[in-house]
Protein backbone atom coordinates (compact mmCIF):
# COMPACT_ATOMS: atom_id res chain seq x y z
CA UNK A 1 0.00 0.00 0.00
CA UNK A 2 2.91 2.36 0.59
CA UNK A 3 3.72 3.00 -3.05
CA UNK A 4 4.25 6.52 -4.34
CA UNK A 5 3.57 7.07 -8.02
CA UNK A 6 5.74 9.68 -9.68
CA UNK A 7 5.58 10.99 -13.23
CA UNK A 8 8.87 9.29 -14.07
CA UNK A 9 7.79 5.92 -12.65
CA UNK A 10 9.26 2.88 -14.42
CA UNK A 11 6.63 0.54 -12.98
CA UNK A 12 4.98 -1.34 -15.91
CA UNK A 13 1.61 -1.09 -14.18
CA UNK A 14 1.84 2.69 -14.15
CA UNK A 15 3.75 3.76 -17.21
CA UNK A 16 3.27 7.51 -17.02
CA UNK A 17 5.72 8.69 -19.67
CA UNK A 18 3.18 9.90 -22.25
CA UNK A 19 -0.10 10.00 -20.37
CA UNK A 20 -2.23 12.99 -19.58
CA UNK A 21 -3.11 13.75 -15.97
CA UNK A 22 -6.63 12.37 -16.19
CA UNK A 23 -5.56 8.96 -17.55
CA UNK A 24 -2.84 8.80 -14.93
CA UNK A 25 -5.34 9.58 -12.21
CA UNK A 26 -7.74 6.91 -13.48
CA UNK A 27 -5.00 4.30 -13.61
CA UNK A 28 -3.70 5.05 -10.12
CA UNK A 29 -7.26 5.20 -8.77
CA UNK A 30 -8.09 1.81 -10.30
CA UNK A 31 -4.99 0.23 -8.75
CA UNK A 32 -5.75 1.83 -5.39
CA UNK A 33 -9.39 0.74 -5.49
CA UNK A 34 -8.38 -2.84 -6.35
CA UNK A 35 -5.92 -2.99 -3.44
CA UNK A 36 -8.31 -1.24 -1.05
CA UNK A 37 -11.19 -3.58 -1.94
CA UNK A 38 -9.04 -6.68 -1.39
CA UNK A 39 -7.91 -5.35 1.99
CA UNK A 40 -11.46 -4.41 2.92
CA UNK A 41 -12.77 -7.89 2.10
CA UNK A 42 -9.92 -9.45 4.08
CA UNK A 43 -10.47 -7.23 7.13
CA UNK A 44 -14.23 -7.77 6.99
CA UNK A 45 -13.75 -11.53 7.10
CA UNK A 46 -11.27 -11.23 9.98
CA UNK A 47 -13.67 -8.97 11.87
CA UNK A 48 -16.61 -11.32 11.34
CA UNK A 49 -14.51 -14.27 12.46
CA UNK A 50 -13.38 -12.50 15.64
CA UNK A 51 -16.94 -11.36 16.29
CA UNK A 52 -18.21 -14.97 16.04
CA UNK A 53 -15.44 -16.24 18.33
CA UNK A 54 -16.31 -13.56 20.86
CA UNK A 55 -20.02 -14.38 20.63
CA UNK A 56 -19.40 -18.11 21.12
CA UNK A 57 -17.17 -17.31 24.10
CA UNK A 58 -19.89 -15.16 25.69
CA UNK A 59 -22.56 -17.82 25.13
CA UNK A 60 -20.25 -20.45 26.64
CA UNK A 61 -19.67 -18.26 29.71
CA UNK A 62 -23.41 -17.70 30.17
CA UNK A 63 -23.97 -21.45 29.80
CA UNK A 64 -21.33 -22.24 32.42
CA UNK A 65 -22.84 -19.70 34.80
CA UNK A 66 -26.28 -21.24 34.30
CA UNK A 67 -25.13 -24.83 34.86
CA UNK A 68 -23.17 -24.18 38.06
PDB file of N, CA and C in Angstrom:
ATOM      1  N   UNK A   1       0.826  -1.212   0.000  1.00  0.00           N
ATOM      2  CA  UNK A   1       0.000   0.000   0.000  1.00  0.00           C
ATOM      3  C   UNK A   1       0.860   1.263   0.000  1.00  0.00           C
ATOM      4  N   UNK A   2       2.096   1.172   0.435  1.00  0.00           N
ATOM      5  CA  UNK A   2       2.912   2.363   0.594  1.00  0.00           C
ATOM      6  C   UNK A   2       3.676   2.734  -0.651  1.00  0.00           C
ATOM      7  N   UNK A   3       3.028   2.642  -1.822  1.00  0.00           N
ATOM      8  CA  UNK A   3       3.719   2.999  -3.054  1.00  0.00           C
ATOM      9  C   UNK A   3       3.425   4.446  -3.412  1.00  0.00           C
ATOM     10  N   UNK A   4       4.432   5.143  -3.888  1.00  0.00           N
ATOM     11  CA  UNK A   4       4.246   6.521  -4.342  1.00  0.00           C
ATOM     12  C   UNK A   4       4.472   6.554  -5.849  1.00  0.00           C
ATOM     13  N   UNK A   5       3.481   7.044  -6.570  1.00  0.00           N
ATOM     14  CA  UNK A   5       3.569   7.070  -8.019  1.00  0.00           C
ATOM     15  C   UNK A   5       4.091   8.431  -8.470  1.00  0.00           C
ATOM     16  N   UNK A   6       5.214   8.430  -9.152  1.00  0.00           N
ATOM     17  CA  UNK A   6       5.744   9.677  -9.677  1.00  0.00           C
ATOM     18  C   UNK A   6       5.575   9.701 -11.193  1.00  0.00           C
ATOM     19  N   UNK A   7       5.773  10.851 -11.779  1.00  0.00           N
ATOM     20  CA  UNK A   7       5.576  10.991 -13.226  1.00  0.00           C
ATOM     21  C   UNK A   7       6.631  10.199 -13.995  1.00  0.00           C
ATOM     22  N   UNK A   8       7.791  10.016 -13.391  1.00  0.00           N
ATOM     23  CA  UNK A   8       8.871   9.285 -14.072  1.00  0.00           C
ATOM     24  C   UNK A   8       8.962   7.849 -13.551  1.00  0.00           C
ATOM     25  N   UNK A   9       7.813   7.271 -13.202  1.00  0.00           N
ATOM     26  CA  UNK A   9       7.787   5.922 -12.654  1.00  0.00           C
ATOM     27  C   UNK A   9       8.085   4.909 -13.750  1.00  0.00           C
ATOM     28  N   UNK A  10       8.921   3.914 -13.438  1.00  0.00           N
ATOM     29  CA  UNK A  10       9.258   2.878 -14.425  1.00  0.00           C
ATOM     30  C   UNK A  10       8.435   1.617 -14.196  1.00  0.00           C
ATOM     31  N   UNK A  11       7.499   1.680 -13.257  1.00  0.00           N
ATOM     32  CA  UNK A  11       6.629   0.544 -12.978  1.00  0.00           C
ATOM     33  C   UNK A  11       5.770   0.251 -14.207  1.00  0.00           C
ATOM     34  N   UNK A  12       5.775  -1.012 -14.708  1.00  0.00           N
ATOM     35  CA  UNK A  12       4.981  -1.337 -15.906  1.00  0.00           C
ATOM     36  C   UNK A  12       3.485  -1.151 -15.706  1.00  0.00           C
ATOM     37  N   UNK A  13       3.027  -1.292 -14.443  1.00  0.00           N
ATOM     38  CA  UNK A  13       1.609  -1.088 -14.177  1.00  0.00           C
ATOM     39  C   UNK A  13       1.214   0.374 -14.372  1.00  0.00           C
ATOM     40  N   UNK A  14       2.134   1.260 -14.024  1.00  0.00           N
ATOM     41  CA  UNK A  14       1.837   2.691 -14.148  1.00  0.00           C
ATOM     42  C   UNK A  14       2.925   3.308 -15.011  1.00  0.00           C
ATOM     43  N   UNK A  15       2.796   3.154 -16.303  1.00  0.00           N
ATOM     44  CA  UNK A  15       3.752   3.765 -17.214  1.00  0.00           C
ATOM     45  C   UNK A  15       3.239   5.154 -17.566  1.00  0.00           C
ATOM     46  N   UNK A  16       3.838   6.161 -16.944  1.00  0.00           N
ATOM     47  CA  UNK A  16       3.267   7.506 -17.016  1.00  0.00           C
ATOM     48  C   UNK A  16       4.057   8.422 -17.941  1.00  0.00           C
ATOM     49  N   UNK A  17       4.852   7.846 -18.833  1.00  0.00           N
ATOM     50  CA  UNK A  17       5.716   8.687 -19.672  1.00  0.00           C
ATOM     51  C   UNK A  17       4.905   9.622 -20.570  1.00  0.00           C
ATOM     52  N   UNK A  18       3.957   9.051 -21.335  1.00  0.00           N
ATOM     53  CA  UNK A  18       3.177   9.897 -22.254  1.00  0.00           C
ATOM     54  C   UNK A  18       1.684   9.747 -21.973  1.00  0.00           C
ATOM     55  N   UNK A  19       1.287  10.106 -20.774  1.00  0.00           N
ATOM     56  CA  UNK A  19      -0.102   9.999 -20.366  1.00  0.00           C
ATOM     57  C   UNK A  19      -0.546  11.346 -19.827  1.00  0.00           C
ATOM     58  N   UNK A  20      -1.752  11.731 -20.158  1.00  0.00           N
ATOM     59  CA  UNK A  20      -2.228  12.988 -19.577  1.00  0.00           C
ATOM     60  C   UNK A  20      -2.632  12.750 -18.122  1.00  0.00           C
ATOM     61  N   UNK A  21      -2.851  13.825 -17.405  1.00  0.00           N
ATOM     62  CA  UNK A  21      -3.108  13.748 -15.970  1.00  0.00           C
ATOM     63  C   UNK A  21      -4.348  12.913 -15.651  1.00  0.00           C
ATOM     64  N   UNK A  22      -5.377  13.045 -16.467  1.00  0.00           N
ATOM     65  CA  UNK A  22      -6.632  12.365 -16.185  1.00  0.00           C
ATOM     66  C   UNK A  22      -6.468  10.854 -16.295  1.00  0.00           C
ATOM     67  N   UNK A  23      -5.794  10.400 -17.365  1.00  0.00           N
ATOM     68  CA  UNK A  23      -5.563   8.963 -17.554  1.00  0.00           C
ATOM     69  C   UNK A  23      -4.707   8.427 -16.421  1.00  0.00           C
ATOM     70  N   UNK A  24      -3.710   9.172 -16.045  1.00  0.00           N
ATOM     71  CA  UNK A  24      -2.836   8.800 -14.933  1.00  0.00           C
ATOM     72  C   UNK A  24      -3.656   8.635 -13.665  1.00  0.00           C
ATOM     73  N   UNK A  25      -4.502   9.619 -13.403  1.00  0.00           N
ATOM     74  CA  UNK A  25      -5.342   9.578 -12.207  1.00  0.00           C
ATOM     75  C   UNK A  25      -6.235   8.340 -12.213  1.00  0.00           C
ATOM     76  N   UNK A  26      -6.850   8.070 -13.379  1.00  0.00           N
ATOM     77  CA  UNK A  26      -7.742   6.913 -13.480  1.00  0.00           C
ATOM     78  C   UNK A  26      -7.000   5.618 -13.214  1.00  0.00           C
ATOM     79  N   UNK A  27      -5.785   5.516 -13.775  1.00  0.00           N
ATOM     80  CA  UNK A  27      -4.996   4.295 -13.614  1.00  0.00           C
ATOM     81  C   UNK A  27      -4.599   4.078 -12.148  1.00  0.00           C
ATOM     82  N   UNK A  28      -4.107   5.128 -11.529  1.00  0.00           N
ATOM     83  CA  UNK A  28      -3.704   5.052 -10.122  1.00  0.00           C
ATOM     84  C   UNK A  28      -4.913   4.748  -9.243  1.00  0.00           C
ATOM     85  N   UNK A  29      -6.033   5.401  -9.548  1.00  0.00           N
ATOM     86  CA  UNK A  29      -7.256   5.198  -8.767  1.00  0.00           C
ATOM     87  C   UNK A  29      -7.730   3.755  -8.869  1.00  0.00           C
ATOM     88  N   UNK A  30      -7.652   3.191 -10.095  1.00  0.00           N
ATOM     89  CA  UNK A  30      -8.091   1.813 -10.297  1.00  0.00           C
ATOM     90  C   UNK A  30      -7.218   0.850  -9.483  1.00  0.00           C
ATOM     91  N   UNK A  31      -5.911   1.061  -9.532  1.00  0.00           N
ATOM     92  CA  UNK A  31      -4.986   0.232  -8.753  1.00  0.00           C
ATOM     93  C   UNK A  31      -5.294   0.338  -7.269  1.00  0.00           C
ATOM     94  N   UNK A  32      -5.483   1.579  -6.810  1.00  0.00           N
ATOM     95  CA  UNK A  32      -5.753   1.831  -5.393  1.00  0.00           C
ATOM     96  C   UNK A  32      -7.052   1.156  -4.976  1.00  0.00           C
ATOM     97  N   UNK A  33      -8.091   1.306  -5.811  1.00  0.00           N
ATOM     98  CA  UNK A  33      -9.394   0.736  -5.493  1.00  0.00           C
ATOM     99  C   UNK A  33      -9.305  -0.784  -5.389  1.00  0.00           C
ATOM    100  N   UNK A  34      -8.565  -1.391  -6.330  1.00  0.00           N
ATOM    101  CA  UNK A  34      -8.380  -2.841  -6.347  1.00  0.00           C
ATOM    102  C   UNK A  34      -7.738  -3.303  -5.041  1.00  0.00           C
ATOM    103  N   UNK A  35      -6.629  -2.657  -4.679  1.00  0.00           N
ATOM    104  CA  UNK A  35      -5.917  -2.992  -3.440  1.00  0.00           C
ATOM    105  C   UNK A  35      -6.813  -2.778  -2.230  1.00  0.00           C
ATOM    106  N   UNK A  36      -7.478  -1.617  -2.192  1.00  0.00           N
ATOM    107  CA  UNK A  36      -8.305  -1.241  -1.053  1.00  0.00           C
ATOM    108  C   UNK A  36      -9.450  -2.233  -0.880  1.00  0.00           C
ATOM    109  N   UNK A  37     -10.072  -2.641  -2.004  1.00  0.00           N
ATOM    110  CA  UNK A  37     -11.195  -3.577  -1.935  1.00  0.00           C
ATOM    111  C   UNK A  37     -10.733  -4.921  -1.397  1.00  0.00           C
ATOM    112  N   UNK A  38      -9.576  -5.405  -1.879  1.00  0.00           N
ATOM    113  CA  UNK A  38      -9.041  -6.679  -1.389  1.00  0.00           C
ATOM    114  C   UNK A  38      -8.802  -6.611   0.110  1.00  0.00           C
ATOM    115  N   UNK A  39      -8.184  -5.520   0.562  1.00  0.00           N
ATOM    116  CA  UNK A  39      -7.911  -5.355   1.992  1.00  0.00           C
ATOM    117  C   UNK A  39      -9.204  -5.295   2.793  1.00  0.00           C
ATOM    118  N   UNK A  40     -10.186  -4.566   2.242  1.00  0.00           N
ATOM    119  CA  UNK A  40     -11.463  -4.407   2.925  1.00  0.00           C
ATOM    120  C   UNK A  40     -12.148  -5.751   3.106  1.00  0.00           C
ATOM    121  N   UNK A  41     -12.162  -6.561   2.032  1.00  0.00           N
ATOM    122  CA  UNK A  41     -12.774  -7.893   2.098  1.00  0.00           C
ATOM    123  C   UNK A  41     -12.055  -8.729   3.153  1.00  0.00           C
ATOM    124  N   UNK A  42     -10.719  -8.679   3.126  1.00  0.00           N
ATOM    125  CA  UNK A  42      -9.916  -9.447   4.078  1.00  0.00           C
ATOM    126  C   UNK A  42     -10.230  -9.036   5.519  1.00  0.00           C
ATOM    127  N   UNK A  43     -10.229  -7.715   5.777  1.00  0.00           N
ATOM    128  CA  UNK A  43     -10.475  -7.231   7.133  1.00  0.00           C
ATOM    129  C   UNK A  43     -11.892  -7.529   7.586  1.00  0.00           C
ATOM    130  N   UNK A  44     -12.839  -7.473   6.644  1.00  0.00           N
ATOM    131  CA  UNK A  44     -14.230  -7.771   6.992  1.00  0.00           C
ATOM    132  C   UNK A  44     -14.354  -9.216   7.452  1.00  0.00           C
ATOM    133  N   UNK A  45     -13.699 -10.122   6.709  1.00  0.00           N
ATOM    134  CA  UNK A  45     -13.748 -11.534   7.100  1.00  0.00           C
ATOM    135  C   UNK A  45     -13.098 -11.751   8.463  1.00  0.00           C
ATOM    136  N   UNK A  46     -11.955 -11.114   8.681  1.00  0.00           N
ATOM    137  CA  UNK A  46     -11.271 -11.233   9.982  1.00  0.00           C
ATOM    138  C   UNK A  46     -12.164 -10.731  11.096  1.00  0.00           C
ATOM    139  N   UNK A  47     -12.811  -9.585  10.860  1.00  0.00           N
ATOM    140  CA  UNK A  47     -13.666  -8.971  11.868  1.00  0.00           C
ATOM    141  C   UNK A  47     -14.847  -9.874  12.186  1.00  0.00           C
ATOM    142  N   UNK A  48     -15.470 -10.427  11.127  1.00  0.00           N
ATOM    143  CA  UNK A  48     -16.615 -11.319  11.338  1.00  0.00           C
ATOM    144  C   UNK A  48     -16.199 -12.557  12.123  1.00  0.00           C
ATOM    145  N   UNK A  49     -15.016 -13.082  11.774  1.00  0.00           N
ATOM    146  CA  UNK A  49     -14.514 -14.272  12.456  1.00  0.00           C
ATOM    147  C   UNK A  49     -14.307 -13.995  13.943  1.00  0.00           C
ATOM    148  N   UNK A  50     -13.635 -12.870  14.248  1.00  0.00           N
ATOM    149  CA  UNK A  50     -13.382 -12.505  15.643  1.00  0.00           C
ATOM    150  C   UNK A  50     -14.689 -12.263  16.384  1.00  0.00           C
ATOM    151  N   UNK A  51     -15.642 -11.646  15.692  1.00  0.00           N
ATOM    152  CA  UNK A  51     -16.939 -11.365  16.293  1.00  0.00           C
ATOM    153  C   UNK A  51     -17.632 -12.678  16.681  1.00  0.00           C
ATOM    154  N   UNK A  52     -17.588 -13.670  15.773  1.00  0.00           N
ATOM    155  CA  UNK A  52     -18.208 -14.967  16.045  1.00  0.00           C
ATOM    156  C   UNK A  52     -17.524 -15.666  17.208  1.00  0.00           C
ATOM    157  N   UNK A  53     -16.196 -15.618  17.232  1.00  0.00           N
ATOM    158  CA  UNK A  53     -15.442 -16.243  18.333  1.00  0.00           C
ATOM    159  C   UNK A  53     -15.842 -15.606  19.659  1.00  0.00           C
ATOM    160  N   UNK A  54     -15.930 -14.290  19.659  1.00  0.00           N
ATOM    161  CA  UNK A  54     -16.305 -13.556  20.858  1.00  0.00           C
ATOM    162  C   UNK A  54     -17.719 -13.931  21.307  1.00  0.00           C
ATOM    163  N   UNK A  55     -18.623 -14.040  20.344  1.00  0.00           N
ATOM    164  CA  UNK A  55     -20.018 -14.381  20.626  1.00  0.00           C
ATOM    165  C   UNK A  55     -20.109 -15.776  21.241  1.00  0.00           C
ATOM    166  N   UNK A  56     -19.392 -16.725  20.633  1.00  0.00           N
ATOM    167  CA  UNK A  56     -19.397 -18.112  21.122  1.00  0.00           C
ATOM    168  C   UNK A  56     -18.834 -18.159  22.542  1.00  0.00           C
ATOM    169  N   UNK A  57     -17.785 -17.380  22.774  1.00  0.00           N
ATOM    170  CA  UNK A  57     -17.167 -17.312  24.098  1.00  0.00           C
ATOM    171  C   UNK A  57     -18.165 -16.788  25.134  1.00  0.00           C
ATOM    172  N   UNK A  58     -18.901 -15.737  24.779  1.00  0.00           N
ATOM    173  CA  UNK A  58     -19.892 -15.163  25.690  1.00  0.00           C
ATOM    174  C   UNK A  58     -20.995 -16.167  25.998  1.00  0.00           C
ATOM    175  N   UNK A  59     -21.492 -16.831  24.944  1.00  0.00           N
ATOM    176  CA  UNK A  59     -22.558 -17.820  25.126  1.00  0.00           C
ATOM    177  C   UNK A  59     -22.079 -18.942  26.041  1.00  0.00           C
ATOM    178  N   UNK A  60     -20.834 -19.385  25.821  1.00  0.00           N
ATOM    179  CA  UNK A  60     -20.252 -20.448  26.641  1.00  0.00           C
ATOM    180  C   UNK A  60     -20.181 -20.017  28.110  1.00  0.00           C
ATOM    181  N   UNK A  61     -19.757 -18.780  28.341  1.00  0.00           N
ATOM    182  CA  UNK A  61     -19.667 -18.258  29.707  1.00  0.00           C
ATOM    183  C   UNK A  61     -21.034 -18.221  30.376  1.00  0.00           C
ATOM    184  N   UNK A  62     -22.043 -17.756  29.627  1.00  0.00           N
ATOM    185  CA  UNK A  62     -23.411 -17.698  30.167  1.00  0.00           C
ATOM    186  C   UNK A  62     -23.886 -19.110  30.500  1.00  0.00           C
ATOM    187  N   UNK A  63     -23.577 -20.045  29.599  1.00  0.00           N
ATOM    188  CA  UNK A  63     -23.973 -21.446  29.797  1.00  0.00           C
ATOM    189  C   UNK A  63     -23.325 -22.018  31.051  1.00  0.00           C
ATOM    190  N   UNK A  64     -22.031 -21.746  31.227  1.00  0.00           N
ATOM    191  CA  UNK A  64     -21.332 -22.240  32.416  1.00  0.00           C
ATOM    192  C   UNK A  64     -21.903 -21.639  33.687  1.00  0.00           C
ATOM    193  N   UNK A  65     -22.243 -20.355  33.627  1.00  0.00           N
ATOM    194  CA  UNK A  65     -22.837 -19.697  34.801  1.00  0.00           C
ATOM    195  C   UNK A  65     -24.179 -20.344  35.142  1.00  0.00           C
ATOM    196  N   UNK A  66     -24.935 -20.682  34.104  1.00  0.00           N
ATOM    197  CA  UNK A  66     -26.277 -21.238  34.303  1.00  0.00           C
ATOM    198  C   UNK A  66     -26.223 -22.666  34.848  1.00  0.00           C
ATOM    199  N   UNK A  67     -25.184 -23.403  34.468  1.00  0.00           N
ATOM    200  CA  UNK A  67     -25.133 -24.826  34.861  1.00  0.00           C
ATOM    201  C   UNK A  67     -24.340 -25.061  36.130  1.00  0.00           C
ATOM    202  N   UNK A  68     -23.918 -23.993  36.801  1.00  0.00           N
ATOM    203  CA  UNK A  68     -23.171 -24.181  38.057  1.00  0.00           C
ATOM    204  C   UNK A  68     -24.086 -24.723  39.158  1.00  0.00           C
TER     205      UNK A  68
END
